[in-house]
């Protein structure tokens, strides 16, 4: 689980937290407790349902499925991990932000249907080379 904080004005990253030991010896919950004093909200990036539950218990304001398939705790799916979105949405009362491999509008719609509060579309719209390669691959060979 990685911790991101969005300041009320201007955005920005406040710090990181994870299950592994932190250099300062603190815990994820310690980091979460410090965030409101900085005038920020906590968005916890998670890879599993357990991490989402732990983030909620620690006081996070929202969770994002950003790490799905990027840790040893959960296998990578070919597309977005909609099963994780649905499971997390069913297990926490926090807003769930679907993130990771959302390449088509239908993927985003499926995430909302699965219980996501919002969807982050990254590479599909921010990396022109990915987008143009996707079009090229979808066209018949000539």
N, C-alpha and C. Protein backbone atom coordinates (compact mmCIF):
# COMPACT_ATOMS: atom_id res chain seq x y z
N UNK A 1 0.86 -1.15 0.00
CA UNK A 1 0.00 0.00 0.00
C UNK A 1 0.91 1.22 0.00
N UNK A 2 0.64 2.17 -0.85
CA UNK A 2 1.39 3.41 -0.93
C UNK A 2 0.45 4.53 -0.55
N UNK A 3 0.92 5.53 0.15
CA UNK A 3 0.09 6.63 0.59
C UNK A 3 0.31 7.83 -0.29
N UNK A 4 -0.75 8.40 -0.78
CA UNK A 4 -0.67 9.66 -1.51
C UNK A 4 -1.60 10.63 -0.82
N UNK A 5 -1.23 11.87 -0.80
CA UNK A 5 -2.09 12.88 -0.21
C UNK A 5 -2.32 14.00 -1.20
N UNK A 6 -3.54 14.44 -1.28
CA UNK A 6 -3.86 15.57 -2.15
C UNK A 6 -4.19 16.76 -1.28
N UNK A 7 -3.43 17.81 -1.39
CA UNK A 7 -3.70 19.01 -0.60
C UNK A 7 -5.01 19.64 -1.06
N UNK A 8 -5.67 20.30 -0.14
CA UNK A 8 -6.93 20.94 -0.47
C UNK A 8 -6.76 21.93 -1.61
N UNK A 9 -5.62 22.58 -1.69
CA UNK A 9 -5.34 23.50 -2.79
C UNK A 9 -4.05 23.09 -3.45
N UNK A 10 -4.06 22.99 -4.75
CA UNK A 10 -2.84 22.76 -5.50
C UNK A 10 -2.40 21.32 -5.63
N UNK A 11 -3.00 20.40 -4.93
CA UNK A 11 -2.59 19.00 -5.02
C UNK A 11 -1.19 18.80 -4.46
N UNK A 12 -0.62 17.66 -4.70
CA UNK A 12 0.73 17.39 -4.26
C UNK A 12 0.84 16.12 -3.47
N UNK A 13 2.02 15.58 -3.43
CA UNK A 13 2.28 14.33 -2.74
C UNK A 13 2.89 14.65 -1.38
N UNK A 14 2.33 14.07 -0.36
CA UNK A 14 2.80 14.33 0.99
C UNK A 14 3.83 13.30 1.43
N UNK A 15 3.63 12.04 1.08
CA UNK A 15 4.55 11.02 1.54
C UNK A 15 4.14 9.65 1.06
N UNK A 16 4.85 8.61 1.49
CA UNK A 16 4.53 7.26 1.09
C UNK A 16 4.47 6.36 2.32
N UNK A 17 3.71 5.31 2.21
CA UNK A 17 3.62 4.32 3.26
C UNK A 17 3.38 2.96 2.63
N UNK A 18 3.81 1.89 3.26
CA UNK A 18 3.67 0.56 2.70
C UNK A 18 3.76 -0.44 3.83
N UNK A 19 3.42 -1.68 3.56
CA UNK A 19 3.52 -2.72 4.59
C UNK A 19 4.95 -2.92 5.06
N UNK A 20 5.92 -2.70 4.16
CA UNK A 20 7.31 -2.90 4.56
C UNK A 20 7.74 -1.82 5.56
N UNK A 21 8.83 -2.09 6.24
CA UNK A 21 9.33 -1.17 7.26
C UNK A 21 9.65 0.19 6.65
N UNK A 22 9.30 1.24 7.40
CA UNK A 22 9.59 2.60 6.97
C UNK A 22 10.90 3.05 7.58
N UNK A 23 11.66 3.88 6.89
CA UNK A 23 12.96 4.33 7.42
C UNK A 23 12.86 4.99 8.79
N UNK A 24 11.73 5.68 9.05
CA UNK A 24 11.58 6.35 10.35
C UNK A 24 11.03 5.43 11.43
N UNK A 25 10.78 4.17 11.07
CA UNK A 25 10.25 3.21 12.04
C UNK A 25 8.76 3.32 12.27
N UNK A 26 8.10 4.28 11.62
CA UNK A 26 6.67 4.48 11.79
C UNK A 26 5.86 3.47 10.99
N UNK A 27 4.56 3.60 11.10
CA UNK A 27 3.64 2.72 10.39
C UNK A 27 2.80 3.54 9.40
N UNK A 28 2.06 2.84 8.57
CA UNK A 28 1.13 3.50 7.67
C UNK A 28 0.16 4.36 8.47
N UNK A 29 -0.36 3.81 9.57
CA UNK A 29 -1.31 4.55 10.41
C UNK A 29 -0.67 5.82 10.96
N UNK A 30 0.61 5.77 11.33
CA UNK A 30 1.31 6.98 11.81
C UNK A 30 1.32 8.05 10.73
N UNK A 31 1.61 7.64 9.50
CA UNK A 31 1.64 8.59 8.39
C UNK A 31 0.26 9.18 8.15
N UNK A 32 -0.77 8.34 8.20
CA UNK A 32 -2.14 8.81 7.98
C UNK A 32 -2.52 9.84 9.03
N UNK A 33 -2.16 9.61 10.28
CA UNK A 33 -2.49 10.55 11.35
C UNK A 33 -1.84 11.91 11.14
N UNK A 34 -0.70 11.96 10.48
CA UNK A 34 0.01 13.21 10.25
C UNK A 34 -0.58 14.04 9.11
N UNK A 35 -1.30 13.43 8.21
CA UNK A 35 -1.77 14.11 7.00
C UNK A 35 -2.76 15.25 7.28
N UNK A 36 -3.79 15.06 8.11
CA UNK A 36 -4.73 16.17 8.32
C UNK A 36 -4.05 17.44 8.83
N UNK A 37 -3.01 17.29 9.62
CA UNK A 37 -2.28 18.46 10.11
C UNK A 37 -1.63 19.23 8.98
N UNK A 38 -1.40 18.57 7.86
CA UNK A 38 -0.80 19.23 6.69
C UNK A 38 -1.89 19.77 5.76
N UNK A 39 -3.15 19.67 6.15
CA UNK A 39 -4.24 20.16 5.32
C UNK A 39 -4.48 19.32 4.09
N UNK A 40 -4.37 18.01 4.22
CA UNK A 40 -4.48 17.14 3.06
C UNK A 40 -5.42 15.97 3.34
N UNK A 41 -5.76 15.26 2.28
CA UNK A 41 -6.55 14.04 2.35
C UNK A 41 -5.65 12.86 2.02
N UNK A 42 -6.01 11.69 2.50
CA UNK A 42 -5.20 10.49 2.25
C UNK A 42 -5.88 9.60 1.22
N UNK A 43 -5.15 9.32 0.14
CA UNK A 43 -5.56 8.34 -0.86
C UNK A 43 -4.56 7.21 -0.78
N UNK A 44 -5.02 6.03 -0.38
CA UNK A 44 -4.13 4.88 -0.22
C UNK A 44 -4.20 4.01 -1.47
N UNK A 45 -3.06 3.83 -2.13
CA UNK A 45 -2.97 2.92 -3.28
C UNK A 45 -2.87 1.51 -2.74
N UNK A 46 -3.71 0.60 -3.24
CA UNK A 46 -3.76 -0.77 -2.72
C UNK A 46 -3.69 -1.78 -3.84
N UNK A 47 -3.28 -2.99 -3.46
CA UNK A 47 -3.22 -4.11 -4.40
C UNK A 47 -4.21 -5.20 -4.03
N UNK A 48 -4.72 -5.17 -2.80
CA UNK A 48 -5.59 -6.24 -2.32
C UNK A 48 -6.73 -5.69 -1.47
N UNK A 49 -7.72 -6.54 -1.25
CA UNK A 49 -8.82 -6.18 -0.37
C UNK A 49 -8.33 -5.93 1.05
N UNK A 50 -7.41 -6.76 1.52
CA UNK A 50 -6.88 -6.59 2.88
C UNK A 50 -6.20 -5.25 3.03
N UNK A 51 -5.44 -4.83 2.04
CA UNK A 51 -4.80 -3.52 2.12
C UNK A 51 -5.84 -2.40 2.16
N UNK A 52 -6.93 -2.56 1.41
CA UNK A 52 -7.99 -1.55 1.44
C UNK A 52 -8.63 -1.47 2.83
N UNK A 53 -8.90 -2.63 3.42
CA UNK A 53 -9.48 -2.64 4.76
C UNK A 53 -8.52 -2.02 5.77
N UNK A 54 -7.23 -2.35 5.65
CA UNK A 54 -6.23 -1.77 6.55
C UNK A 54 -6.15 -0.25 6.38
N UNK A 55 -6.23 0.21 5.13
CA UNK A 55 -6.18 1.65 4.87
C UNK A 55 -7.38 2.35 5.51
N UNK A 56 -8.55 1.75 5.38
CA UNK A 56 -9.74 2.34 6.00
C UNK A 56 -9.57 2.37 7.52
N UNK A 57 -9.12 1.28 8.09
CA UNK A 57 -8.92 1.22 9.54
C UNK A 57 -7.90 2.26 10.01
N UNK A 58 -6.89 2.53 9.19
CA UNK A 58 -5.85 3.50 9.55
C UNK A 58 -6.33 4.94 9.40
N UNK A 59 -7.46 5.14 8.70
CA UNK A 59 -8.00 6.49 8.58
C UNK A 59 -7.89 7.13 7.21
N UNK A 60 -7.58 6.35 6.18
CA UNK A 60 -7.50 6.90 4.83
C UNK A 60 -8.86 7.47 4.42
N UNK A 61 -8.84 8.45 3.53
CA UNK A 61 -10.06 9.08 3.05
C UNK A 61 -10.63 8.37 1.83
N UNK A 62 -9.79 7.67 1.08
CA UNK A 62 -10.20 6.94 -0.12
C UNK A 62 -9.12 5.91 -0.43
N UNK A 63 -9.47 4.93 -1.26
CA UNK A 63 -8.50 3.94 -1.71
C UNK A 63 -8.52 3.88 -3.23
N UNK A 64 -7.37 3.57 -3.81
CA UNK A 64 -7.26 3.42 -5.27
C UNK A 64 -6.62 2.07 -5.57
N UNK A 65 -7.07 1.43 -6.62
CA UNK A 65 -6.58 0.10 -6.99
C UNK A 65 -5.31 0.18 -7.85
N UNK A 66 -4.57 1.22 -7.70
CA UNK A 66 -3.37 1.50 -8.49
C UNK A 66 -2.37 0.36 -8.52
N UNK A 67 -2.20 -0.33 -7.41
CA UNK A 67 -1.16 -1.35 -7.31
C UNK A 67 -1.62 -2.75 -7.72
N UNK A 68 -2.85 -2.90 -8.18
CA UNK A 68 -3.36 -4.20 -8.60
C UNK A 68 -2.47 -4.78 -9.69
N UNK A 69 -1.91 -5.94 -9.42
CA UNK A 69 -1.05 -6.60 -10.40
C UNK A 69 0.38 -6.11 -10.41
N UNK A 70 0.72 -5.21 -9.50
CA UNK A 70 2.08 -4.68 -9.45
C UNK A 70 2.84 -5.13 -8.20
N UNK A 71 2.25 -6.03 -7.43
CA UNK A 71 2.93 -6.59 -6.26
C UNK A 71 2.79 -8.10 -6.31
N UNK A 72 3.54 -8.77 -5.46
CA UNK A 72 3.46 -10.23 -5.40
C UNK A 72 2.14 -10.70 -4.78
N UNK A 73 1.37 -9.77 -4.22
CA UNK A 73 0.14 -10.13 -3.52
C UNK A 73 -1.05 -10.37 -4.43
N UNK A 74 -0.95 -9.94 -5.71
CA UNK A 74 -2.09 -10.12 -6.62
C UNK A 74 -1.58 -10.23 -8.04
N UNK A 75 -2.06 -11.22 -8.75
CA UNK A 75 -1.64 -11.43 -10.14
C UNK A 75 -2.14 -10.28 -11.02
N UNK A 76 -1.36 -9.97 -12.03
CA UNK A 76 -1.73 -8.92 -12.99
C UNK A 76 -2.79 -9.46 -13.95
N UNK A 77 -3.81 -8.67 -14.18
CA UNK A 77 -4.85 -9.03 -15.14
C UNK A 77 -4.53 -8.39 -16.48
N UNK A 78 -5.07 -8.95 -17.56
CA UNK A 78 -4.80 -8.40 -18.89
C UNK A 78 -5.37 -6.99 -19.02
N UNK A 79 -6.51 -6.76 -18.45
CA UNK A 79 -7.14 -5.43 -18.45
C UNK A 79 -7.28 -4.94 -17.02
N UNK A 80 -8.18 -4.02 -16.79
CA UNK A 80 -8.37 -3.52 -15.43
C UNK A 80 -8.84 -4.64 -14.50
N UNK A 81 -8.47 -4.55 -13.25
CA UNK A 81 -8.84 -5.57 -12.27
C UNK A 81 -10.21 -5.23 -11.68
N UNK A 82 -11.24 -5.50 -12.45
CA UNK A 82 -12.61 -5.17 -12.04
C UNK A 82 -13.06 -6.00 -10.85
N UNK A 83 -12.53 -7.22 -10.73
CA UNK A 83 -12.88 -8.05 -9.57
C UNK A 83 -12.38 -7.41 -8.28
N UNK A 84 -11.19 -6.82 -8.34
CA UNK A 84 -10.66 -6.13 -7.15
C UNK A 84 -11.51 -4.90 -6.84
N UNK A 85 -11.86 -4.14 -7.85
CA UNK A 85 -12.70 -2.95 -7.62
C UNK A 85 -14.00 -3.36 -6.93
N UNK A 86 -14.66 -4.38 -7.44
CA UNK A 86 -15.92 -4.84 -6.85
C UNK A 86 -15.73 -5.33 -5.42
N UNK A 87 -14.68 -6.10 -5.18
CA UNK A 87 -14.43 -6.64 -3.84
C UNK A 87 -14.12 -5.52 -2.85
N UNK A 88 -13.28 -4.58 -3.25
CA UNK A 88 -12.93 -3.47 -2.36
C UNK A 88 -14.17 -2.62 -2.08
N UNK A 89 -14.94 -2.31 -3.11
CA UNK A 89 -16.15 -1.50 -2.92
C UNK A 89 -17.13 -2.16 -1.96
N UNK A 90 -17.17 -3.49 -1.98
CA UNK A 90 -18.07 -4.23 -1.08
C UNK A 90 -17.56 -4.29 0.34
N UNK A 91 -16.25 -4.09 0.53
CA UNK A 91 -15.65 -4.31 1.85
C UNK A 91 -15.28 -3.04 2.61
N UNK A 92 -15.26 -1.90 1.94
CA UNK A 92 -14.93 -0.65 2.64
C UNK A 92 -16.02 0.37 2.41
N UNK A 93 -16.11 1.33 3.30
CA UNK A 93 -17.11 2.40 3.15
C UNK A 93 -16.51 3.64 2.49
N UNK A 94 -15.24 3.59 2.15
CA UNK A 94 -14.55 4.71 1.52
C UNK A 94 -14.82 4.77 0.03
N UNK A 95 -14.65 5.95 -0.58
CA UNK A 95 -14.69 5.99 -2.05
C UNK A 95 -13.56 5.14 -2.62
N UNK A 96 -13.87 4.38 -3.66
CA UNK A 96 -12.88 3.54 -4.34
C UNK A 96 -12.59 4.17 -5.69
N UNK A 97 -11.32 4.44 -5.93
CA UNK A 97 -10.88 5.01 -7.20
C UNK A 97 -10.28 3.86 -8.01
N UNK A 98 -10.87 3.56 -9.14
CA UNK A 98 -10.37 2.49 -10.01
C UNK A 98 -9.20 3.05 -10.81
N UNK A 99 -8.08 2.35 -10.77
CA UNK A 99 -6.90 2.81 -11.49
C UNK A 99 -6.09 1.61 -11.93
N UNK A 100 -5.57 1.68 -13.14
CA UNK A 100 -4.72 0.62 -13.65
C UNK A 100 -5.30 -0.10 -14.84
N UNK A 101 -4.75 0.17 -16.02
CA UNK A 101 -5.10 -0.51 -17.27
C UNK A 101 -6.52 -0.18 -17.75
N UNK A 102 -6.98 1.05 -17.53
CA UNK A 102 -8.27 1.49 -18.07
C UNK A 102 -8.00 2.16 -19.41
N UNK A 103 -8.22 1.38 -20.48
CA UNK A 103 -7.84 1.83 -21.82
C UNK A 103 -9.02 2.15 -22.72
N UNK A 104 -10.23 1.78 -22.31
CA UNK A 104 -11.40 2.00 -23.15
C UNK A 104 -12.53 2.59 -22.31
N UNK A 105 -13.40 3.38 -22.93
CA UNK A 105 -14.55 3.90 -22.18
C UNK A 105 -15.37 2.78 -21.54
N UNK A 106 -15.49 1.64 -22.20
CA UNK A 106 -16.25 0.52 -21.64
C UNK A 106 -15.61 0.02 -20.35
N UNK A 107 -14.26 0.07 -20.26
CA UNK A 107 -13.58 -0.33 -19.02
C UNK A 107 -13.97 0.61 -17.88
N UNK A 108 -13.98 1.90 -18.16
CA UNK A 108 -14.34 2.88 -17.13
C UNK A 108 -15.79 2.68 -16.69
N UNK A 109 -16.68 2.46 -17.64
CA UNK A 109 -18.09 2.22 -17.29
C UNK A 109 -18.23 0.97 -16.43
N UNK A 110 -17.49 -0.08 -16.77
CA UNK A 110 -17.55 -1.32 -15.98
C UNK A 110 -17.06 -1.09 -14.56
N UNK A 111 -16.05 -0.25 -14.39
CA UNK A 111 -15.54 0.05 -13.05
C UNK A 111 -16.59 0.78 -12.21
N UNK A 112 -17.28 1.73 -12.81
CA UNK A 112 -18.34 2.45 -12.08
C UNK A 112 -19.44 1.46 -11.70
N UNK A 113 -19.81 0.59 -12.62
CA UNK A 113 -20.82 -0.43 -12.34
C UNK A 113 -20.36 -1.36 -11.22
N UNK A 114 -19.05 -1.63 -11.15
CA UNK A 114 -18.49 -2.51 -10.12
C UNK A 114 -18.41 -1.84 -8.76
N UNK A 115 -18.66 -0.54 -8.71
CA UNK A 115 -18.67 0.15 -7.42
C UNK A 115 -17.66 1.26 -7.26
N UNK A 116 -16.90 1.56 -8.29
CA UNK A 116 -15.92 2.64 -8.19
C UNK A 116 -16.62 3.99 -8.11
N UNK A 117 -16.05 4.87 -7.33
CA UNK A 117 -16.53 6.25 -7.22
C UNK A 117 -16.05 7.07 -8.41
N UNK A 118 -14.84 6.74 -8.89
CA UNK A 118 -14.23 7.43 -10.02
C UNK A 118 -13.22 6.50 -10.67
N UNK A 119 -12.77 6.87 -11.87
CA UNK A 119 -11.80 6.07 -12.61
C UNK A 119 -10.67 6.98 -13.08
N UNK A 120 -9.44 6.53 -12.86
CA UNK A 120 -8.27 7.23 -13.39
C UNK A 120 -7.91 6.59 -14.72
N UNK A 121 -7.90 7.39 -15.77
CA UNK A 121 -7.47 6.92 -17.08
C UNK A 121 -6.12 7.59 -17.32
N UNK A 122 -5.07 6.79 -17.35
CA UNK A 122 -3.73 7.34 -17.46
C UNK A 122 -3.13 7.18 -18.83
N UNK A 123 -2.38 6.10 -19.00
CA UNK A 123 -1.62 5.85 -20.22
C UNK A 123 -2.46 5.99 -21.48
N UNK A 124 -3.70 5.55 -21.44
CA UNK A 124 -4.55 5.57 -22.63
C UNK A 124 -4.77 6.97 -23.18
N UNK A 125 -4.61 7.99 -22.34
CA UNK A 125 -4.81 9.35 -22.83
C UNK A 125 -3.59 10.25 -22.66
N UNK A 126 -2.63 9.81 -21.87
CA UNK A 126 -1.47 10.67 -21.63
C UNK A 126 -0.22 10.26 -22.38
N UNK A 127 -0.23 9.09 -22.99
CA UNK A 127 0.94 8.60 -23.73
C UNK A 127 0.53 8.41 -25.19
N UNK A 128 0.75 9.43 -26.02
CA UNK A 128 0.32 9.35 -27.42
C UNK A 128 0.87 8.13 -28.16
N UNK A 129 2.08 7.70 -27.84
CA UNK A 129 2.64 6.54 -28.54
C UNK A 129 1.84 5.28 -28.22
N UNK A 130 1.37 5.13 -26.99
CA UNK A 130 0.53 3.97 -26.65
C UNK A 130 -0.77 4.02 -27.44
N UNK A 131 -1.37 5.20 -27.50
CA UNK A 131 -2.64 5.36 -28.20
C UNK A 131 -2.50 5.08 -29.69
N UNK A 132 -1.48 5.64 -30.31
CA UNK A 132 -1.32 5.42 -31.76
C UNK A 132 -0.96 3.96 -32.06
N UNK A 133 -0.15 3.33 -31.21
CA UNK A 133 0.18 1.92 -31.39
C UNK A 133 -1.08 1.06 -31.28
N UNK A 134 -1.96 1.39 -30.36
CA UNK A 134 -3.21 0.65 -30.20
C UNK A 134 -4.06 0.73 -31.46
N UNK A 135 -4.14 1.93 -32.04
CA UNK A 135 -4.88 2.07 -33.29
C UNK A 135 -4.23 1.27 -34.40
N UNK A 136 -2.92 1.36 -34.50
CA UNK A 136 -2.20 0.64 -35.57
C UNK A 136 -2.43 -0.86 -35.45
N UNK A 137 -2.34 -1.40 -34.26
CA UNK A 137 -2.53 -2.84 -34.06
C UNK A 137 -3.96 -3.28 -34.35
N UNK A 138 -4.93 -2.39 -34.16
CA UNK A 138 -6.32 -2.75 -34.38
C UNK A 138 -6.72 -2.72 -35.86
N UNK A 139 -5.91 -2.09 -36.68
CA UNK A 139 -6.24 -1.98 -38.10
C UNK A 139 -5.76 -3.22 -38.86
N UNK A 140 -6.50 -3.61 -39.91
CA UNK A 140 -6.07 -4.77 -40.69
C UNK A 140 -4.75 -4.48 -41.43
N UNK A 141 -3.94 -5.48 -41.59
CA UNK A 141 -2.66 -5.34 -42.31
C UNK A 141 -2.93 -5.06 -43.77
N UNK A 142 -2.05 -4.28 -44.37
CA UNK A 142 -2.18 -3.98 -45.81
C UNK A 142 -0.91 -4.29 -46.51
